[in-house]
Amino acid sequence: ELDFLVDFSKKYDEVIGARMMGGGFGGCTINIIHRDAVASFVKEASKAYFEKFNIKLTAFEAMPSEGTRINYNIKNSL
């Protein structure tokens, strides 16, 4: 199922990258998609996934953050 989703994403120029994560326990795919194409990609991927496996696809949208950093503005409350 994960291979199917990654292979499916290769058809879209708007997908910058796709990979499988945590396949040993069900796993998921991570897709980096141009913002304007997210809704249409999820719609088409969900349709293709259901047609292939008869399983409803669950998609989660996330935005990148600044990553790990040190916050020097924390005040000691002791």
PDB file of N, CA and C in Angstrom:
ATOM      1  N   GLU A   1       0.813  -1.186   0.000  1.00  0.00           N
ATOM      2  CA  GLU A   1       0.000   0.000   0.000  1.00  0.00           C
ATOM      3  C   GLU A   1       0.866   1.262   0.000  1.00  0.00           C
ATOM      4  N   LEU A   2       1.945   1.251   0.799  1.00  0.00           N
ATOM      5  CA  LEU A   2       2.817   2.428   0.841  1.00  0.00           C
ATOM      6  C   LEU A   2       3.550   2.617  -0.476  1.00  0.00           C
ATOM      7  N   ASP A   3       4.008   1.514  -1.059  1.00  0.00           N
ATOM      8  CA  ASP A   3       4.660   1.603  -2.370  1.00  0.00           C
ATOM      9  C   ASP A   3       3.699   2.198  -3.396  1.00  0.00           C
ATOM     10  N   PHE A   4       2.449   1.791  -3.333  1.00  0.00           N
ATOM     11  CA  PHE A   4       1.442   2.318  -4.252  1.00  0.00           C
ATOM     12  C   PHE A   4       1.337   3.835  -4.123  1.00  0.00           C
ATOM     13  N   LEU A   5       1.292   4.336  -2.882  1.00  0.00           N
ATOM     14  CA  LEU A   5       1.149   5.777  -2.673  1.00  0.00           C
ATOM     15  C   LEU A   5       2.367   6.552  -3.163  1.00  0.00           C
ATOM     16  N   VAL A   6       3.556   6.027  -2.909  1.00  0.00           N
ATOM     17  CA  VAL A   6       4.765   6.705  -3.389  1.00  0.00           C
ATOM     18  C   VAL A   6       4.794   6.687  -4.912  1.00  0.00           C
ATOM     19  N   ASP A   7       4.500   5.540  -5.506  1.00  0.00           N
ATOM     20  CA  ASP A   7       4.468   5.455  -6.972  1.00  0.00           C
ATOM     21  C   ASP A   7       3.404   6.384  -7.556  1.00  0.00           C
ATOM     22  N   PHE A   8       2.260   6.462  -6.903  1.00  0.00           N
ATOM     23  CA  PHE A   8       1.192   7.352  -7.355  1.00  0.00           C
ATOM     24  C   PHE A   8       1.663   8.802  -7.358  1.00  0.00           C
ATOM     25  N   SER A   9       2.405   9.191  -6.343  1.00  0.00           N
ATOM     26  CA  SER A   9       2.853  10.585  -6.230  1.00  0.00           C
ATOM     27  C   SER A   9       3.835  10.975  -7.331  1.00  0.00           C
ATOM     28  N   LYS A  10       4.506  10.006  -7.916  1.00  0.00           N
ATOM     29  CA  LYS A  10       5.480  10.296  -8.978  1.00  0.00           C
ATOM     30  C   LYS A  10       4.821  10.839 -10.240  1.00  0.00           C
ATOM     31  N   LYS A  11       3.511  10.676 -10.362  1.00  0.00           N
ATOM     32  CA  LYS A  11       2.779  11.150 -11.539  1.00  0.00           C
ATOM     33  C   LYS A  11       2.546  12.663 -11.514  1.00  0.00           C
ATOM     34  N   TYR A  12       2.779  13.295 -10.376  1.00  0.00           N
ATOM     35  CA  TYR A  12       2.434  14.703 -10.190  1.00  0.00           C
ATOM     36  C   TYR A  12       3.674  15.578 -10.130  1.00  0.00           C
ATOM     37  N   ASP A  13       3.746  16.557 -11.037  1.00  0.00           N
ATOM     38  CA  ASP A  13       4.861  17.503 -11.025  1.00  0.00           C
ATOM     39  C   ASP A  13       4.850  18.352  -9.754  1.00  0.00           C
ATOM     40  N   GLU A  14       3.671  18.522  -9.152  1.00  0.00           N
ATOM     41  CA  GLU A  14       3.542  19.346  -7.946  1.00  0.00           C
ATOM     42  C   GLU A  14       4.105  18.666  -6.704  1.00  0.00           C
ATOM     43  N   VAL A  15       4.362  17.370  -6.779  1.00  0.00           N
ATOM     44  CA  VAL A  15       4.962  16.645  -5.657  1.00  0.00           C
ATOM     45  C   VAL A  15       6.474  16.772  -5.775  1.00  0.00           C
ATOM     46  N   ILE A  16       7.071  17.418  -4.787  1.00  0.00           N
ATOM     47  CA  ILE A  16       8.511  17.656  -4.790  1.00  0.00           C
ATOM     48  C   ILE A  16       9.261  16.418  -4.314  1.00  0.00           C
ATOM     49  N   GLY A  17       8.652  15.678  -3.394  1.00  0.00           N
ATOM     50  CA  GLY A  17       9.279  14.467  -2.879  1.00  0.00           C
ATOM     51  C   GLY A  17       8.273  13.608  -2.137  1.00  0.00           C
ATOM     52  N   ALA A  18       8.546  12.313  -2.066  1.00  0.00           N
ATOM     53  CA  ALA A  18       7.681  11.372  -1.355  1.00  0.00           C
ATOM     54  C   ALA A  18       8.533  10.224  -0.852  1.00  0.00           C
ATOM     55  N   ARG A  19       8.217   9.743   0.356  1.00  0.00           N
ATOM     56  CA  ARG A  19       8.926   8.585   0.888  1.00  0.00           C
ATOM     57  C   ARG A  19       8.059   7.852   1.894  1.00  0.00           C
ATOM     58  N   MET A  20       8.432   6.608   2.151  1.00  0.00           N
ATOM     59  CA  MET A  20       7.742   5.795   3.147  1.00  0.00           C
ATOM     60  C   MET A  20       8.397   6.012   4.502  1.00  0.00           C
ATOM     61  N   MET A  21       7.588   5.970   5.551  1.00  0.00           N
ATOM     62  CA  MET A  21       8.084   6.110   6.916  1.00  0.00           C
ATOM     63  C   MET A  21       7.447   5.029   7.790  1.00  0.00           C
ATOM     64  N   GLY A  22       8.236   4.366   8.609  1.00  0.00           N
ATOM     65  CA  GLY A  22       7.715   3.433   9.601  1.00  0.00           C
ATOM     66  C   GLY A  22       6.892   2.295   9.043  1.00  0.00           C
ATOM     67  N   GLY A  23       7.326   1.682   7.967  1.00  0.00           N
ATOM     68  CA  GLY A  23       6.561   0.629   7.315  1.00  0.00           C
ATOM     69  C   GLY A  23       6.347  -0.616   8.153  1.00  0.00           C
ATOM     70  N   GLY A  24       7.149  -0.834   9.186  1.00  0.00           N
ATOM     71  CA  GLY A  24       7.034  -2.037   9.999  1.00  0.00           C
ATOM     72  C   GLY A  24       5.756  -2.111  10.815  1.00  0.00           C
ATOM     73  N   PHE A  25       5.181  -0.979  11.153  1.00  0.00           N
ATOM     74  CA  PHE A  25       3.974  -0.950  11.982  1.00  0.00           C
ATOM     75  C   PHE A  25       2.858  -0.186  11.281  1.00  0.00           C
ATOM     76  N   GLY A  26       2.617  -0.511  10.038  1.00  0.00           N
ATOM     77  CA  GLY A  26       1.577   0.171   9.269  1.00  0.00           C
ATOM     78  C   GLY A  26       2.143   1.291   8.436  1.00  0.00           C
ATOM     79  N   GLY A  27       2.888   2.161   9.068  1.00  0.00           N
ATOM     80  CA  GLY A  27       3.613   3.201   8.362  1.00  0.00           C
ATOM     81  C   GLY A  27       2.752   4.259   7.716  1.00  0.00           C
ATOM     82  N   CYS A  28       3.440   5.118   6.986  1.00  0.00           N
ATOM     83  CA  CYS A  28       2.785   6.204   6.277  1.00  0.00           C
ATOM     84  C   CYS A  28       3.717   6.684   5.172  1.00  0.00           C
ATOM     85  N   THR A  29       3.225   7.589   4.369  1.00  0.00           N
ATOM     86  CA  THR A  29       4.092   8.256   3.407  1.00  0.00           C
ATOM     87  C   THR A  29       4.128   9.733   3.752  1.00  0.00           C
ATOM     88  N   ILE A  30       5.270  10.332   3.513  1.00  0.00           N
ATOM     89  CA  ILE A  30       5.452  11.772   3.667  1.00  0.00           C
ATOM     90  C   ILE A  30       5.591  12.331   2.259  1.00  0.00           C
ATOM     91  N   ASN A  31       4.773  13.312   1.923  1.00  0.00           N
ATOM     92  CA  ASN A  31       4.817  13.927   0.596  1.00  0.00           C
ATOM     93  C   ASN A  31       5.009  15.428   0.747  1.00  0.00           C
ATOM     94  N   ILE A  32       5.959  15.970   0.038  1.00  0.00           N
ATOM     95  CA  ILE A  32       6.136  17.418  -0.013  1.00  0.00           C
ATOM     96  C   ILE A  32       5.485  17.881  -1.311  1.00  0.00           C
ATOM     97  N   ILE A  33       4.434  18.693  -1.160  1.00  0.00           N
ATOM     98  CA  ILE A  33       3.588  19.066  -2.292  1.00  0.00           C
ATOM     99  C   ILE A  33       3.459  20.587  -2.343  1.00  0.00           C
ATOM    100  N   HIS A  34       3.474  21.134  -3.546  1.00  0.00           N
ATOM    101  CA  HIS A  34       3.215  22.569  -3.689  1.00  0.00           C
ATOM    102  C   HIS A  34       1.867  22.896  -3.052  1.00  0.00           C
ATOM    103  N   ARG A  35       1.827  23.985  -2.314  1.00  0.00           N
ATOM    104  CA  ARG A  35       0.646  24.375  -1.535  1.00  0.00           C
ATOM    105  C   ARG A  35      -0.640  24.383  -2.366  1.00  0.00           C
ATOM    106  N   ASP A  36      -0.584  24.903  -3.569  1.00  0.00           N
ATOM    107  CA  ASP A  36      -1.783  25.020  -4.403  1.00  0.00           C
ATOM    108  C   ASP A  36      -2.314  23.676  -4.898  1.00  0.00           C
ATOM    109  N   ALA A  37      -1.527  22.626  -4.783  1.00  0.00           N
ATOM    110  CA  ALA A  37      -1.921  21.323  -5.315  1.00  0.00           C
ATOM    111  C   ALA A  37      -2.326  20.320  -4.238  1.00  0.00           C
ATOM    112  N   VAL A  38      -2.262  20.705  -2.972  1.00  0.00           N
ATOM    113  CA  VAL A  38      -2.519  19.751  -1.885  1.00  0.00           C
ATOM    114  C   VAL A  38      -3.920  19.157  -1.977  1.00  0.00           C
ATOM    115  N   ALA A  39      -4.932  19.993  -2.080  1.00  0.00           N
ATOM    116  CA  ALA A  39      -6.317  19.492  -2.079  1.00  0.00           C
ATOM    117  C   ALA A  39      -6.579  18.540  -3.242  1.00  0.00           C
ATOM    118  N   SER A  40      -6.135  18.906  -4.432  1.00  0.00           N
ATOM    119  CA  SER A  40      -6.386  18.033  -5.583  1.00  0.00           C
ATOM    120  C   SER A  40      -5.588  16.737  -5.484  1.00  0.00           C
ATOM    121  N   PHE A  41      -4.357  16.812  -4.961  1.00  0.00           N
ATOM    122  CA  PHE A  41      -3.560  15.596  -4.800  1.00  0.00           C
ATOM    123  C   PHE A  41      -4.222  14.647  -3.805  1.00  0.00           C
ATOM    124  N   VAL A  42      -4.655  15.163  -2.666  1.00  0.00           N
ATOM    125  CA  VAL A  42      -5.298  14.317  -1.655  1.00  0.00           C
ATOM    126  C   VAL A  42      -6.571  13.694  -2.218  1.00  0.00           C
ATOM    127  N   LYS A  43      -7.340  14.463  -2.959  1.00  0.00           N
ATOM    128  CA  LYS A  43      -8.578  13.940  -3.556  1.00  0.00           C
ATOM    129  C   LYS A  43      -8.278  12.800  -4.523  1.00  0.00           C
ATOM    130  N   GLU A  44      -7.331  13.004  -5.420  1.00  0.00           N
ATOM    131  CA  GLU A  44      -6.995  11.978  -6.416  1.00  0.00           C
ATOM    132  C   GLU A  44      -6.328  10.760  -5.776  1.00  0.00           C
ATOM    133  N   ALA A  45      -5.439  10.988  -4.819  1.00  0.00           N
ATOM    134  CA  ALA A  45      -4.774   9.872  -4.136  1.00  0.00           C
ATOM    135  C   ALA A  45      -5.785   9.051  -3.345  1.00  0.00           C
ATOM    136  N   SER A  46      -6.711   9.723  -2.677  1.00  0.00           N
ATOM    137  CA  SER A  46      -7.742   9.026  -1.903  1.00  0.00           C
ATOM    138  C   SER A  46      -8.607   8.156  -2.802  1.00  0.00           C
ATOM    139  N   LYS A  47      -8.980   8.707  -3.946  1.00  0.00           N
ATOM    140  CA  LYS A  47      -9.804   7.957  -4.898  1.00  0.00           C
ATOM    141  C   LYS A  47      -9.061   6.727  -5.415  1.00  0.00           C
ATOM    142  N   ALA A  48      -7.816   6.907  -5.839  1.00  0.00           N
ATOM    143  CA  ALA A  48      -7.023   5.796  -6.381  1.00  0.00           C
ATOM    144  C   ALA A  48      -6.758   4.731  -5.318  1.00  0.00           C
ATOM    145  N   TYR A  49      -6.478   5.159  -4.090  1.00  0.00           N
ATOM    146  CA  TYR A  49      -6.198   4.236  -2.992  1.00  0.00           C
ATOM    147  C   TYR A  49      -7.430   3.387  -2.676  1.00  0.00           C
ATOM    148  N   PHE A  50      -8.591   4.036  -2.632  1.00  0.00           N
ATOM    149  CA  PHE A  50      -9.822   3.298  -2.351  1.00  0.00           C
ATOM    150  C   PHE A  50     -10.136   2.307  -3.463  1.00  0.00           C
ATOM    151  N   GLU A  51      -9.950   2.731  -4.711  1.00  0.00           N
ATOM    152  CA  GLU A  51     -10.207   1.833  -5.843  1.00  0.00           C
ATOM    153  C   GLU A  51      -9.278   0.623  -5.820  1.00  0.00           C
ATOM    154  N   LYS A  52      -8.042   0.824  -5.394  1.00  0.00           N
ATOM    155  CA  LYS A  52      -7.048  -0.260  -5.390  1.00  0.00           C
ATOM    156  C   LYS A  52      -7.216  -1.196  -4.192  1.00  0.00           C
ATOM    157  N   PHE A  53      -7.454  -0.641  -2.992  1.00  0.00           N
ATOM    158  CA  PHE A  53      -7.430  -1.445  -1.766  1.00  0.00           C
ATOM    159  C   PHE A  53      -8.768  -1.520  -1.028  1.00  0.00           C
ATOM    160  N   ASN A  54      -9.767  -0.760  -1.486  1.00  0.00           N
ATOM    161  CA  ASN A  54     -11.054  -0.689  -0.797  1.00  0.00           C
ATOM    162  C   ASN A  54     -10.888  -0.233   0.656  1.00  0.00           C
ATOM    163  N   ILE A  55      -9.955   0.688   0.870  1.00  0.00           N
ATOM    164  CA  ILE A  55      -9.673   1.261   2.186  1.00  0.00           C
ATOM    165  C   ILE A  55      -9.694   2.779   2.037  1.00  0.00           C
ATOM    166  N   LYS A  56     -10.345   3.455   2.994  1.00  0.00           N
ATOM    167  CA  LYS A  56     -10.387   4.917   2.969  1.00  0.00           C
ATOM    168  C   LYS A  56      -9.025   5.472   3.404  1.00  0.00           C
ATOM    169  N   LEU A  57      -8.468   6.352   2.604  1.00  0.00           N
ATOM    170  CA  LEU A  57      -7.184   6.981   2.900  1.00  0.00           C
ATOM    171  C   LEU A  57      -7.383   8.107   3.909  1.00  0.00           C
ATOM    172  N   THR A  58      -6.512   8.187   4.896  1.00  0.00           N
ATOM    173  CA  THR A  58      -6.520   9.286   5.849  1.00  0.00           C
ATOM    174  C   THR A  58      -5.306  10.157   5.577  1.00  0.00           C
ATOM    175  N   ALA A  59      -5.535  11.438   5.340  1.00  0.00           N
ATOM    176  CA  ALA A  59      -4.438  12.364   5.037  1.00  0.00           C
ATOM    177  C   ALA A  59      -4.353  13.427   6.125  1.00  0.00           C
ATOM    178  N   PHE A  60      -3.135  13.799   6.491  1.00  0.00           N
ATOM    179  CA  PHE A  60      -2.879  14.856   7.459  1.00  0.00           C
ATOM    180  C   PHE A  60      -2.000  15.902   6.794  1.00  0.00           C
ATOM    181  N   GLU A  61      -2.395  17.152   6.895  1.00  0.00           N
ATOM    182  CA  GLU A  61      -1.604  18.237   6.317  1.00  0.00           C
ATOM    183  C   GLU A  61      -0.776  18.883   7.422  1.00  0.00           C
ATOM    184  N   ALA A  62       0.495  19.098   7.137  1.00  0.00           N
ATOM    185  CA  ALA A  62       1.397  19.738   8.101  1.00  0.00           C
ATOM    186  C   ALA A  62       2.254  20.765   7.372  1.00  0.00           C
ATOM    187  N   MET A  63       2.670  21.763   8.103  1.00  0.00           N
ATOM    188  CA  MET A  63       3.549  22.792   7.551  1.00  0.00           C
ATOM    189  C   MET A  63       4.910  22.681   8.242  1.00  0.00           C
ATOM    190  N   PRO A  64       5.988  22.945   7.516  1.00  0.00           N
ATOM    191  CA  PRO A  64       7.310  22.903   8.145  1.00  0.00           C
ATOM    192  C   PRO A  64       7.442  23.987   9.211  1.00  0.00           C
ATOM    193  N   SER A  65       8.243  23.694  10.208  1.00  0.00           N
ATOM    194  CA  SER A  65       8.487  24.674  11.269  1.00  0.00           C
ATOM    195  C   SER A  65       9.938  25.136  11.197  1.00  0.00           C
ATOM    196  N   GLU A  66      10.308  25.959  12.145  1.00  0.00           N
ATOM    197  CA  GLU A  66      11.683  26.445  12.202  1.00  0.00           C
ATOM    198  C   GLU A  66      12.645  25.357  12.671  1.00  0.00           C
ATOM    199  N   GLY A  67      12.123  24.260  13.148  1.00  0.00           N
ATOM    200  CA  GLY A  67      12.973  23.172  13.620  1.00  0.00           C
ATOM    201  C   GLY A  67      13.402  23.372  15.068  1.00  0.00           C
ATOM    202  N   THR A  68      14.353  22.563  15.494  1.00  0.00           N
ATOM    203  CA  THR A  68      14.847  22.632  16.859  1.00  0.00           C
ATOM    204  C   THR A  68      15.688  23.884  17.040  1.00  0.00           C
ATOM    205  N   ARG A  69      15.459  24.573  18.159  1.00  0.00           N
ATOM    206  CA  ARG A  69      16.256  25.765  18.450  1.00  0.00           C
ATOM    207  C   ARG A  69      16.273  26.001  19.947  1.00  0.00           C
ATOM    208  N   ILE A  70      17.183  26.805  20.397  1.00  0.00           N
ATOM    209  CA  ILE A  70      17.283  27.165  21.808  1.00  0.00           C
ATOM    210  C   ILE A  70      16.511  28.454  22.021  1.00  0.00           C
ATOM    211  N   ASN A  71      15.649  28.464  23.038  1.00  0.00           N
ATOM    212  CA  ASN A  71      14.885  29.659  23.373  1.00  0.00           C
ATOM    213  C   ASN A  71      15.543  30.316  24.578  1.00  0.00           C
ATOM    214  N   TYR A  72      16.194  31.434  24.357  1.00  0.00           N
ATOM    215  CA  TYR A  72      16.890  32.145  25.423  1.00  0.00           C
ATOM    216  C   TYR A  72      15.969  33.089  26.188  1.00  0.00           C
ATOM    217  N   ASN A  73      14.710  33.175  25.820  1.00  0.00           N
ATOM    218  CA  ASN A  73      13.781  34.110  26.454  1.00  0.00           C
ATOM    219  C   ASN A  73      12.965  33.491  27.579  1.00  0.00           C
ATOM    220  N   ILE A  74      13.278  32.275  27.978  1.00  0.00           N
ATOM    221  CA  ILE A  74      12.555  31.623  29.069  1.00  0.00           C
ATOM    222  C   ILE A  74      13.083  32.174  30.391  1.00  0.00           C
ATOM    223  N   LYS A  75      12.172  32.630  31.250  1.00  0.00           N
ATOM    224  CA  LYS A  75      12.565  33.183  32.549  1.00  0.00           C
ATOM    225  C   LYS A  75      12.454  32.096  33.607  1.00  0.00           C
ATOM    226  N   ASN A  76      13.405  32.061  34.505  1.00  0.00           N
ATOM    227  CA  ASN A  76      13.402  31.103  35.603  1.00  0.00           C
ATOM    228  C   ASN A  76      12.321  31.506  36.591  1.00  0.00           C
ATOM    229  N   SER A  77      11.367  30.642  36.847  1.00  0.00           N
ATOM    230  CA  SER A  77      10.249  30.972  37.733  1.00  0.00           C
ATOM    231  C   SER A  77      10.482  30.524  39.168  1.00  0.00           C
ATOM    232  N   LEU A  78      11.672  30.068  39.511  1.00  0.00           N
ATOM    233  CA  LEU A  78      11.946  29.621  40.889  1.00  0.00           C
ATOM    234  C   LEU A  78      12.145  30.759  41.836  1.00  0.00           C
TER     235      LEU A  78
END
